[in-house]
Amino acid sequence: MSKLTTLLLTLSLILLSLLNMGSALAGKDHSHATESEDESVRNKALTSKIWWNQKQKIAELKLTEDQRHDMDHALGDYLGEFYKHSKAQKEAFSALGDSLKSGDYNKAGEQRVNLTSLTSQSVDQQVGVMIKVVGYLTDEQRAIVATKYPSLFSRLWLKSANPAALQMGRTESKGMRKRNK
């Protein structure tokens, strides 16, 4: 498995863990925490692991603090929307399940349209943040990334959930459930 694939899988697992573990984050009791505090903790964890904050890439690309700050800010803005979409997707999957259980296939068809729209919006927003972040690179930095890490330009940086889990209407993989027990 390539380093990039490992990195993307790691980021996927981190994101899933952060979304699903809630009160277990950092050993803190989040029952009284505000949604904003929870998002702040999640954002910090994700931005610390994203490619532009990795020591090797910082050195290789000669990224400045200002560039990384701007990139972190763009990712943070995206993540705020991502959390809203994740909640909406979970609610839509629940509504789809209710419709299918009751045999209301017209309502299930409406939920299909809703889920398709939400998924499309999520991908659109992530591609938007990719464009914004890459826009902070100089021509020389972009050329280095294109040569050494071309897949960063051709796939999503964060996965919203394990694709197999999404196909089954779950928000976490089998392995994640075992680790969360």
N, C-alpha and C. Protein backbone atom coordinates (compact mmCIF):
# COMPACT_ATOMS: atom_id res chain seq x y z
N MET A 1 0.85 -1.16 0.00
CA MET A 1 0.00 0.00 0.00
C MET A 1 0.90 1.24 0.00
N SER A 2 0.61 2.20 -0.87
CA SER A 2 1.43 3.40 -0.95
C SER A 2 1.25 4.28 0.28
N LYS A 3 2.23 5.17 0.49
CA LYS A 3 2.15 6.08 1.63
C LYS A 3 0.92 6.97 1.53
N LEU A 4 0.59 7.40 0.32
CA LEU A 4 -0.56 8.28 0.14
C LEU A 4 -1.86 7.53 0.46
N THR A 5 -1.95 6.28 0.01
CA THR A 5 -3.13 5.49 0.30
C THR A 5 -3.27 5.30 1.81
N THR A 6 -2.14 5.00 2.45
CA THR A 6 -2.15 4.85 3.91
C THR A 6 -2.59 6.14 4.57
N LEU A 7 -2.08 7.27 4.09
CA LEU A 7 -2.47 8.56 4.64
C LEU A 7 -3.96 8.81 4.47
N LEU A 8 -4.49 8.55 3.28
CA LEU A 8 -5.91 8.77 3.04
C LEU A 8 -6.77 7.85 3.91
N LEU A 9 -6.34 6.61 4.05
CA LEU A 9 -7.08 5.69 4.93
C LEU A 9 -7.03 6.16 6.37
N THR A 10 -5.86 6.63 6.79
CA THR A 10 -5.72 7.13 8.15
C THR A 10 -6.63 8.33 8.38
N LEU A 11 -6.64 9.26 7.42
CA LEU A 11 -7.51 10.43 7.55
C LEU A 11 -8.97 10.02 7.58
N SER A 12 -9.33 9.02 6.78
CA SER A 12 -10.71 8.54 6.79
C SER A 12 -11.08 7.98 8.15
N LEU A 13 -10.18 7.18 8.70
CA LEU A 13 -10.45 6.59 10.01
C LEU A 13 -10.51 7.65 11.10
N ILE A 14 -9.63 8.63 11.02
CA ILE A 14 -9.65 9.71 12.01
C ILE A 14 -10.98 10.45 11.94
N LEU A 15 -11.39 10.78 10.72
CA LEU A 15 -12.64 11.50 10.55
C LEU A 15 -13.82 10.69 11.08
N LEU A 16 -13.85 9.41 10.74
CA LEU A 16 -14.93 8.56 11.24
C LEU A 16 -14.90 8.47 12.76
N SER A 17 -13.72 8.32 13.31
CA SER A 17 -13.61 8.23 14.76
C SER A 17 -14.11 9.49 15.43
N LEU A 18 -13.71 10.63 14.88
CA LEU A 18 -14.11 11.89 15.49
C LEU A 18 -15.60 12.11 15.39
N LEU A 19 -16.18 11.69 14.29
CA LEU A 19 -17.62 11.89 14.12
C LEU A 19 -18.43 10.93 14.98
N ASN A 20 -17.90 9.74 15.20
CA ASN A 20 -18.69 8.72 15.89
C ASN A 20 -18.36 8.55 17.36
N MET A 21 -17.23 9.03 17.82
CA MET A 21 -16.85 8.78 19.20
C MET A 21 -17.32 9.87 20.14
N GLY A 22 -17.58 11.05 19.65
CA GLY A 22 -18.15 12.14 20.44
C GLY A 22 -17.56 12.30 21.82
N SER A 23 -18.18 11.72 22.81
CA SER A 23 -17.78 11.96 24.19
C SER A 23 -16.44 11.33 24.55
N ALA A 24 -15.93 10.43 23.72
CA ALA A 24 -14.65 9.80 24.03
C ALA A 24 -13.46 10.64 23.58
N LEU A 25 -13.72 11.71 22.85
CA LEU A 25 -12.63 12.55 22.34
C LEU A 25 -11.78 13.10 23.48
N ALA A 26 -10.51 12.89 23.38
CA ALA A 26 -9.53 13.47 24.30
C ALA A 26 -9.87 13.20 25.77
N GLY A 27 -10.63 12.16 26.02
CA GLY A 27 -10.97 11.81 27.39
C GLY A 27 -11.86 12.82 28.08
N LYS A 28 -12.43 13.74 27.32
CA LYS A 28 -13.25 14.79 27.90
C LYS A 28 -14.71 14.37 27.89
N ASP A 29 -15.44 14.88 28.85
CA ASP A 29 -16.88 14.71 28.89
C ASP A 29 -17.48 15.81 28.03
N HIS A 30 -17.99 15.43 26.87
CA HIS A 30 -18.54 16.41 25.95
C HIS A 30 -20.03 16.60 26.12
N SER A 31 -20.61 16.02 27.14
CA SER A 31 -22.06 16.13 27.31
C SER A 31 -22.49 17.57 27.52
N HIS A 32 -21.57 18.42 28.03
CA HIS A 32 -21.90 19.82 28.24
C HIS A 32 -21.21 20.74 27.25
N ALA A 33 -20.43 20.17 26.36
CA ALA A 33 -19.69 20.98 25.39
C ALA A 33 -20.64 21.48 24.32
N THR A 34 -20.34 22.63 23.80
CA THR A 34 -21.16 23.15 22.71
C THR A 34 -20.73 22.48 21.41
N GLU A 35 -21.61 22.55 20.43
CA GLU A 35 -21.29 22.00 19.12
C GLU A 35 -20.03 22.66 18.57
N SER A 36 -19.87 23.94 18.79
CA SER A 36 -18.70 24.68 18.32
C SER A 36 -17.42 24.14 18.95
N GLU A 37 -17.45 23.82 20.24
CA GLU A 37 -16.27 23.26 20.90
C GLU A 37 -15.92 21.90 20.32
N ASP A 38 -16.94 21.06 20.08
CA ASP A 38 -16.71 19.76 19.48
C ASP A 38 -16.08 19.91 18.09
N GLU A 39 -16.62 20.82 17.30
CA GLU A 39 -16.08 21.04 15.96
C GLU A 39 -14.65 21.55 16.03
N SER A 40 -14.36 22.39 16.98
CA SER A 40 -13.01 22.92 17.13
C SER A 40 -12.01 21.81 17.42
N VAL A 41 -12.38 20.90 18.29
CA VAL A 41 -11.50 19.76 18.61
C VAL A 41 -11.29 18.90 17.38
N ARG A 42 -12.38 18.61 16.68
CA ARG A 42 -12.28 17.78 15.46
C ARG A 42 -11.45 18.48 14.39
N ASN A 43 -11.69 19.77 14.20
CA ASN A 43 -10.94 20.52 13.19
C ASN A 43 -9.45 20.50 13.47
N LYS A 44 -9.09 20.72 14.73
CA LYS A 44 -7.68 20.75 15.11
C LYS A 44 -7.02 19.40 14.83
N ALA A 45 -7.71 18.32 15.18
CA ALA A 45 -7.17 16.98 14.94
C ALA A 45 -6.97 16.72 13.45
N LEU A 46 -7.94 17.11 12.64
CA LEU A 46 -7.82 16.87 11.20
C LEU A 46 -6.77 17.76 10.55
N THR A 47 -6.77 19.03 10.88
CA THR A 47 -5.81 19.92 10.23
C THR A 47 -4.38 19.56 10.60
N SER A 48 -4.17 19.00 11.78
CA SER A 48 -2.81 18.62 12.16
C SER A 48 -2.30 17.44 11.33
N LYS A 49 -3.20 16.66 10.74
CA LYS A 49 -2.81 15.47 9.97
C LYS A 49 -2.85 15.69 8.45
N ILE A 50 -3.45 16.77 8.01
CA ILE A 50 -3.62 16.98 6.57
C ILE A 50 -2.26 17.20 5.91
N TRP A 51 -2.16 16.95 4.63
CA TRP A 51 -0.86 16.88 3.95
C TRP A 51 -0.02 18.13 4.09
N TRP A 52 -0.59 19.32 4.08
CA TRP A 52 0.22 20.53 4.13
C TRP A 52 0.79 20.81 5.53
N ASN A 53 0.38 20.04 6.52
CA ASN A 53 0.92 20.18 7.87
C ASN A 53 1.88 19.04 8.23
N GLN A 54 2.26 18.24 7.26
CA GLN A 54 3.23 17.17 7.49
C GLN A 54 4.64 17.72 7.32
N LYS A 55 5.51 17.41 8.27
CA LYS A 55 6.86 17.98 8.30
C LYS A 55 7.58 17.82 6.96
N GLN A 56 7.51 16.64 6.38
CA GLN A 56 8.22 16.38 5.13
C GLN A 56 7.72 17.30 4.01
N LYS A 57 6.42 17.46 3.91
CA LYS A 57 5.87 18.30 2.84
C LYS A 57 6.12 19.79 3.11
N ILE A 58 6.09 20.18 4.38
CA ILE A 58 6.40 21.57 4.72
C ILE A 58 7.81 21.90 4.24
N ALA A 59 8.75 21.00 4.54
CA ALA A 59 10.14 21.23 4.14
C ALA A 59 10.31 21.14 2.63
N GLU A 60 9.75 20.12 2.02
CA GLU A 60 9.89 19.91 0.57
C GLU A 60 9.34 21.09 -0.23
N LEU A 61 8.17 21.55 0.19
CA LEU A 61 7.49 22.60 -0.56
C LEU A 61 7.87 24.01 -0.08
N LYS A 62 8.57 24.06 1.04
CA LYS A 62 8.92 25.35 1.65
C LYS A 62 7.66 26.19 1.89
N LEU A 63 6.69 25.52 2.51
CA LEU A 63 5.43 26.19 2.81
C LEU A 63 5.64 27.21 3.92
N THR A 64 5.06 28.38 3.77
CA THR A 64 5.18 29.41 4.80
C THR A 64 4.07 29.22 5.84
N GLU A 65 4.27 29.84 6.99
CA GLU A 65 3.24 29.81 8.04
C GLU A 65 1.94 30.43 7.52
N ASP A 66 2.06 31.52 6.76
CA ASP A 66 0.87 32.17 6.23
C ASP A 66 0.11 31.24 5.28
N GLN A 67 0.83 30.53 4.42
CA GLN A 67 0.17 29.60 3.51
C GLN A 67 -0.57 28.52 4.30
N ARG A 68 0.11 27.93 5.25
CA ARG A 68 -0.50 26.86 6.03
C ARG A 68 -1.68 27.37 6.85
N HIS A 69 -1.57 28.58 7.38
CA HIS A 69 -2.68 29.18 8.12
C HIS A 69 -3.89 29.34 7.20
N ASP A 70 -3.66 29.87 6.00
CA ASP A 70 -4.76 30.06 5.05
C ASP A 70 -5.38 28.72 4.65
N MET A 71 -4.53 27.72 4.45
CA MET A 71 -5.02 26.38 4.09
C MET A 71 -5.84 25.79 5.24
N ASP A 72 -5.33 25.93 6.46
CA ASP A 72 -6.06 25.43 7.64
C ASP A 72 -7.42 26.12 7.75
N HIS A 73 -7.44 27.42 7.52
CA HIS A 73 -8.68 28.19 7.60
C HIS A 73 -9.69 27.70 6.55
N ALA A 74 -9.21 27.48 5.32
CA ALA A 74 -10.09 26.98 4.26
C ALA A 74 -10.65 25.61 4.63
N LEU A 75 -9.80 24.75 5.18
CA LEU A 75 -10.27 23.43 5.59
C LEU A 75 -11.27 23.55 6.74
N GLY A 76 -11.00 24.43 7.69
CA GLY A 76 -11.92 24.63 8.81
C GLY A 76 -13.29 25.09 8.34
N ASP A 77 -13.32 26.01 7.37
CA ASP A 77 -14.59 26.46 6.81
C ASP A 77 -15.34 25.29 6.18
N TYR A 78 -14.60 24.50 5.42
CA TYR A 78 -15.21 23.34 4.77
C TYR A 78 -15.76 22.37 5.82
N LEU A 79 -14.97 22.10 6.87
CA LEU A 79 -15.39 21.13 7.88
C LEU A 79 -16.68 21.55 8.59
N GLY A 80 -16.84 22.85 8.80
CA GLY A 80 -18.09 23.32 9.39
C GLY A 80 -19.29 22.89 8.55
N GLU A 81 -19.17 23.05 7.25
CA GLU A 81 -20.23 22.61 6.34
C GLU A 81 -20.34 21.10 6.30
N PHE A 82 -19.18 20.44 6.33
CA PHE A 82 -19.16 18.98 6.30
C PHE A 82 -19.97 18.40 7.46
N TYR A 83 -19.79 18.94 8.67
CA TYR A 83 -20.51 18.42 9.83
C TYR A 83 -22.01 18.59 9.66
N LYS A 84 -22.42 19.71 9.09
CA LYS A 84 -23.85 19.93 8.84
C LYS A 84 -24.38 18.90 7.84
N HIS A 85 -23.60 18.68 6.77
CA HIS A 85 -24.02 17.72 5.74
C HIS A 85 -24.03 16.30 6.29
N SER A 86 -23.07 15.96 7.14
CA SER A 86 -23.03 14.62 7.73
C SER A 86 -24.29 14.37 8.54
N LYS A 87 -24.69 15.36 9.32
CA LYS A 87 -25.91 15.23 10.12
C LYS A 87 -27.13 15.08 9.20
N ALA A 88 -27.17 15.90 8.17
CA ALA A 88 -28.30 15.83 7.24
C ALA A 88 -28.33 14.48 6.51
N GLN A 89 -27.15 13.96 6.14
CA GLN A 89 -27.10 12.67 5.47
C GLN A 89 -27.57 11.55 6.41
N LYS A 90 -27.17 11.62 7.66
CA LYS A 90 -27.59 10.61 8.63
C LYS A 90 -29.10 10.65 8.79
N GLU A 91 -29.66 11.86 8.88
CA GLU A 91 -31.11 12.00 9.01
C GLU A 91 -31.82 11.49 7.76
N ALA A 92 -31.24 11.76 6.59
CA ALA A 92 -31.85 11.31 5.33
C ALA A 92 -31.80 9.78 5.22
N PHE A 93 -30.68 9.16 5.65
CA PHE A 93 -30.62 7.70 5.65
C PHE A 93 -31.65 7.12 6.60
N SER A 94 -31.84 7.75 7.74
CA SER A 94 -32.83 7.29 8.70
C SER A 94 -34.24 7.38 8.10
N ALA A 95 -34.52 8.50 7.44
CA ALA A 95 -35.83 8.68 6.79
C ALA A 95 -36.02 7.66 5.67
N LEU A 96 -34.96 7.38 4.93
CA LEU A 96 -35.03 6.36 3.88
C LEU A 96 -35.37 5.01 4.50
N GLY A 97 -34.67 4.68 5.58
CA GLY A 97 -34.94 3.41 6.26
C GLY A 97 -36.38 3.31 6.73
N ASP A 98 -36.89 4.39 7.31
CA ASP A 98 -38.28 4.40 7.77
C ASP A 98 -39.24 4.18 6.60
N SER A 99 -38.94 4.84 5.47
CA SER A 99 -39.81 4.70 4.29
C SER A 99 -39.78 3.28 3.75
N LEU A 100 -38.60 2.69 3.72
CA LEU A 100 -38.49 1.32 3.21
C LEU A 100 -39.16 0.32 4.16
N LYS A 101 -39.00 0.54 5.45
CA LYS A 101 -39.63 -0.35 6.43
C LYS A 101 -41.15 -0.33 6.31
N SER A 102 -41.68 0.87 6.07
CA SER A 102 -43.15 1.00 5.99
C SER A 102 -43.68 0.67 4.60
N GLY A 103 -42.80 0.46 3.63
CA GLY A 103 -43.25 0.15 2.28
C GLY A 103 -43.68 1.38 1.50
N ASP A 104 -43.35 2.57 1.95
CA ASP A 104 -43.69 3.81 1.26
C ASP A 104 -42.59 4.12 0.25
N TYR A 105 -42.70 3.50 -0.92
CA TYR A 105 -41.65 3.60 -1.93
C TYR A 105 -41.59 4.96 -2.60
N ASN A 106 -42.71 5.67 -2.62
CA ASN A 106 -42.67 7.04 -3.15
C ASN A 106 -41.82 7.92 -2.24
N LYS A 107 -42.02 7.78 -0.93
CA LYS A 107 -41.22 8.55 0.04
C LYS A 107 -39.75 8.11 -0.03
N ALA A 108 -39.52 6.82 -0.22
CA ALA A 108 -38.14 6.32 -0.36
C ALA A 108 -37.49 6.94 -1.59
N GLY A 109 -38.25 7.08 -2.67
CA GLY A 109 -37.72 7.72 -3.88
C GLY A 109 -37.35 9.18 -3.63
N GLU A 110 -38.17 9.87 -2.83
CA GLU A 110 -37.86 11.25 -2.46
C GLU A 110 -36.57 11.31 -1.65
N GLN A 111 -36.39 10.35 -0.73
CA GLN A 111 -35.17 10.32 0.07
C GLN A 111 -33.95 10.01 -0.79
N ARG A 112 -34.15 9.20 -1.82
CA ARG A 112 -33.06 8.92 -2.75
C ARG A 112 -32.59 10.21 -3.40
N VAL A 113 -33.54 11.00 -3.86
CA VAL A 113 -33.20 12.29 -4.48
C VAL A 113 -32.50 13.18 -3.46
N ASN A 114 -33.00 13.22 -2.24
CA ASN A 114 -32.40 14.03 -1.18
C ASN A 114 -30.97 13.57 -0.90
N LEU A 115 -30.75 12.27 -0.75
CA LEU A 115 -29.41 11.74 -0.48
C LEU A 115 -28.45 12.03 -1.64
N THR A 116 -28.94 11.89 -2.85
CA THR A 116 -28.11 12.19 -4.02
C THR A 116 -27.69 13.65 -4.01
N SER A 117 -28.62 14.53 -3.71
CA SER A 117 -28.32 15.96 -3.64
C SER A 117 -27.31 16.27 -2.54
N LEU A 118 -27.53 15.71 -1.35
CA LEU A 118 -26.61 15.95 -0.24
C LEU A 118 -25.20 15.45 -0.54
N THR A 119 -25.11 14.28 -1.16
CA THR A 119 -23.81 13.73 -1.51
C THR A 119 -23.12 14.60 -2.56
N SER A 120 -23.87 15.04 -3.53
CA SER A 120 -23.32 15.91 -4.57
C SER A 120 -22.81 17.22 -3.97
N GLN A 121 -23.59 17.79 -3.05
CA GLN A 121 -23.17 19.03 -2.39
C GLN A 121 -21.88 18.84 -1.59
N SER A 122 -21.77 17.70 -0.91
CA SER A 122 -20.58 17.43 -0.11
C SER A 122 -19.34 17.33 -0.99
N VAL A 123 -19.45 16.63 -2.10
CA VAL A 123 -18.31 16.50 -3.02
C VAL A 123 -17.98 17.86 -3.62
N ASP A 124 -19.00 18.62 -4.00
CA ASP A 124 -18.77 19.95 -4.55
C ASP A 124 -18.02 20.84 -3.56
N GLN A 125 -18.41 20.79 -2.30
CA GLN A 125 -17.74 21.61 -1.29
C GLN A 125 -16.29 21.17 -1.07
N GLN A 126 -16.06 19.86 -1.08
CA GLN A 126 -14.69 19.41 -0.88
C GLN A 126 -13.81 19.76 -2.08
N VAL A 127 -14.34 19.63 -3.28
CA VAL A 127 -13.58 20.04 -4.45
C VAL A 127 -13.30 21.54 -4.38
N GLY A 128 -14.27 22.30 -3.90
CA GLY A 128 -14.06 23.75 -3.73
C GLY A 128 -12.92 24.07 -2.79
N VAL A 129 -12.82 23.34 -1.67
CA VAL A 129 -11.72 23.59 -0.73
C VAL A 129 -10.40 23.14 -1.34
N MET A 130 -10.42 22.07 -2.14
CA MET A 130 -9.19 21.64 -2.81
C MET A 130 -8.68 22.75 -3.74
N ILE A 131 -9.58 23.34 -4.50
CA ILE A 131 -9.21 24.42 -5.42
C ILE A 131 -8.65 25.60 -4.63
N LYS A 132 -9.32 25.94 -3.55
CA LYS A 132 -8.88 27.07 -2.73
C LYS A 132 -7.49 26.81 -2.14
N VAL A 133 -7.28 25.63 -1.58
CA VAL A 133 -6.00 25.29 -0.95
C VAL A 133 -4.88 25.28 -1.99
N VAL A 134 -5.10 24.63 -3.11
CA VAL A 134 -4.07 24.57 -4.15
C VAL A 134 -3.76 25.98 -4.66
N GLY A 135 -4.75 26.84 -4.63
CA GLY A 135 -4.54 28.23 -5.04
C GLY A 135 -3.58 28.99 -4.15
N TYR A 136 -3.36 28.52 -2.93
CA TYR A 136 -2.40 29.16 -2.03
C TYR A 136 -0.95 28.75 -2.33
N LEU A 137 -0.76 27.73 -3.16
CA LEU A 137 0.59 27.30 -3.53
C LEU A 137 1.17 28.21 -4.60
N THR A 138 2.48 28.36 -4.58
CA THR A 138 3.15 29.08 -5.67
C THR A 138 3.23 28.13 -6.86
N ASP A 139 3.58 28.66 -8.02
CA ASP A 139 3.73 27.82 -9.21
C ASP A 139 4.77 26.72 -8.96
N GLU A 140 5.86 27.08 -8.31
CA GLU A 140 6.93 26.10 -8.03
C GLU A 140 6.42 25.01 -7.08
N GLN A 141 5.72 25.40 -6.05
CA GLN A 141 5.18 24.42 -5.10
C GLN A 141 4.18 23.49 -5.78
N ARG A 142 3.32 24.07 -6.60
CA ARG A 142 2.32 23.28 -7.31
C ARG A 142 2.99 22.28 -8.24
N ALA A 143 4.07 22.69 -8.89
CA ALA A 143 4.80 21.79 -9.79
C ALA A 143 5.41 20.62 -9.00
N ILE A 144 5.91 20.88 -7.81
CA ILE A 144 6.48 19.81 -6.97
C ILE A 144 5.39 18.82 -6.58
N VAL A 145 4.25 19.35 -6.15
CA VAL A 145 3.14 18.47 -5.78
C VAL A 145 2.70 17.65 -6.99
N ALA A 146 2.59 18.29 -8.13
CA ALA A 146 2.15 17.59 -9.35
C ALA A 146 3.11 16.46 -9.72
N THR A 147 4.39 16.66 -9.47
CA THR A 147 5.40 15.65 -9.81
C THR A 147 5.48 14.56 -8.76
N LYS A 148 5.57 14.95 -7.48
CA LYS A 148 5.80 13.97 -6.41
C LYS A 148 4.52 13.37 -5.83
N TYR A 149 3.43 14.12 -5.86
CA TYR A 149 2.19 13.68 -5.23
C TYR A 149 0.99 13.95 -6.15
N PRO A 150 1.02 13.45 -7.37
CA PRO A 150 -0.04 13.80 -8.34
C PRO A 150 -1.44 13.40 -7.89
N SER A 151 -1.55 12.37 -7.07
CA SER A 151 -2.89 11.95 -6.66
C SER A 151 -3.57 12.97 -5.75
N LEU A 152 -2.80 13.89 -5.16
CA LEU A 152 -3.43 14.95 -4.35
C LEU A 152 -4.31 15.85 -5.20
N PHE A 153 -4.06 15.85 -6.49
CA PHE A 153 -4.86 16.69 -7.39
C PHE A 153 -6.03 15.93 -8.01
N SER A 154 -6.10 14.62 -7.79
CA SER A 154 -7.10 13.85 -8.51
C SER A 154 -8.01 12.98 -7.64
N ARG A 155 -7.96 13.18 -6.32
CA ARG A 155 -8.90 12.46 -5.45
C ARG A 155 -9.19 13.30 -4.22
N LEU A 156 -10.30 13.01 -3.60
CA LEU A 156 -10.70 13.75 -2.41
C LEU A 156 -9.71 13.50 -1.28
N TRP A 157 -9.45 14.53 -0.48
CA TRP A 157 -8.50 14.43 0.63
C TRP A 157 -9.11 13.82 1.86
N LEU A 158 -10.39 14.00 2.06
CA LEU A 158 -11.08 13.46 3.22
C LEU A 158 -12.25 12.62 2.74
N LYS A 159 -12.40 11.50 3.33
CA LYS A 159 -13.55 10.65 3.01
C LYS A 159 -14.60 10.86 4.09
N SER A 160 -15.85 10.97 3.67
CA SER A 160 -16.89 11.21 4.66
C SER A 160 -17.23 9.94 5.42
N ALA A 161 -17.03 8.80 4.81
CA ALA A 161 -17.29 7.53 5.49
C ALA A 161 -16.73 6.41 4.63
N ASN A 162 -16.61 5.25 5.22
CA ASN A 162 -16.19 4.07 4.50
C ASN A 162 -17.22 3.80 3.41
N PRO A 163 -16.82 3.69 2.12
CA PRO A 163 -17.80 3.48 1.05
C PRO A 163 -18.67 2.24 1.28
N ALA A 164 -18.09 1.16 1.78
CA ALA A 164 -18.87 -0.04 2.04
C ALA A 164 -19.90 0.22 3.13
N ALA A 165 -19.52 0.99 4.13
CA ALA A 165 -20.45 1.32 5.20
C ALA A 165 -21.59 2.18 4.67
N LEU A 166 -21.25 3.14 3.80
CA LEU A 166 -22.30 3.98 3.22
C LEU A 166 -23.27 3.14 2.40
N GLN A 167 -22.76 2.16 1.67
CA GLN A 167 -23.63 1.31 0.87
C GLN A 167 -24.60 0.53 1.75
N MET A 168 -24.17 0.26 2.97
CA MET A 168 -25.02 -0.47 3.90
C MET A 168 -25.83 0.47 4.80
N GLY A 169 -25.70 1.78 4.57
CA GLY A 169 -26.46 2.74 5.35
C GLY A 169 -25.87 2.97 6.73
N ARG A 170 -24.60 2.57 6.92
CA ARG A 170 -23.94 2.77 8.21
C ARG A 170 -22.99 3.94 8.07
N THR A 171 -22.63 4.52 9.19
CA THR A 171 -21.68 5.62 9.17
C THR A 171 -20.30 5.20 9.63
N GLU A 172 -20.13 3.91 9.95
CA GLU A 172 -18.81 3.45 10.37
C GLU A 172 -18.59 2.05 9.84
N SER A 173 -17.33 1.68 9.70
CA SER A 173 -16.99 0.36 9.21
C SER A 173 -17.04 -0.66 10.34
N LYS A 174 -17.00 -1.91 9.97
CA LYS A 174 -17.00 -2.99 10.96
C LYS A 174 -15.82 -2.86 11.92
N GLY A 175 -14.65 -2.54 11.39
CA GLY A 175 -13.45 -2.37 12.21
C GLY A 175 -13.62 -1.22 13.19
N MET A 176 -14.26 -0.14 12.77
CA MET A 176 -14.46 1.01 13.66
C MET A 176 -15.38 0.62 14.82
N ARG A 177 -16.42 -0.16 14.55
CA ARG A 177 -17.33 -0.57 15.62
C ARG A 177 -16.59 -1.40 16.66
N LYS A 178 -15.69 -2.29 16.21
CA LYS A 178 -14.92 -3.10 17.15
C LYS A 178 -14.05 -2.21 18.03
N ARG A 179 -13.41 -1.21 17.43
CA ARG A 179 -12.54 -0.31 18.20
C ARG A 179 -13.34 0.58 19.14
N ASN A 180 -14.57 0.90 18.80
CA ASN A 180 -15.38 1.79 19.63
C ASN A 180 -16.01 1.07 20.82
N LYS A 181 -15.95 -0.26 20.86
CA LYS A 181 -16.56 -1.00 21.97
C LYS A 181 -15.74 -0.93 23.22
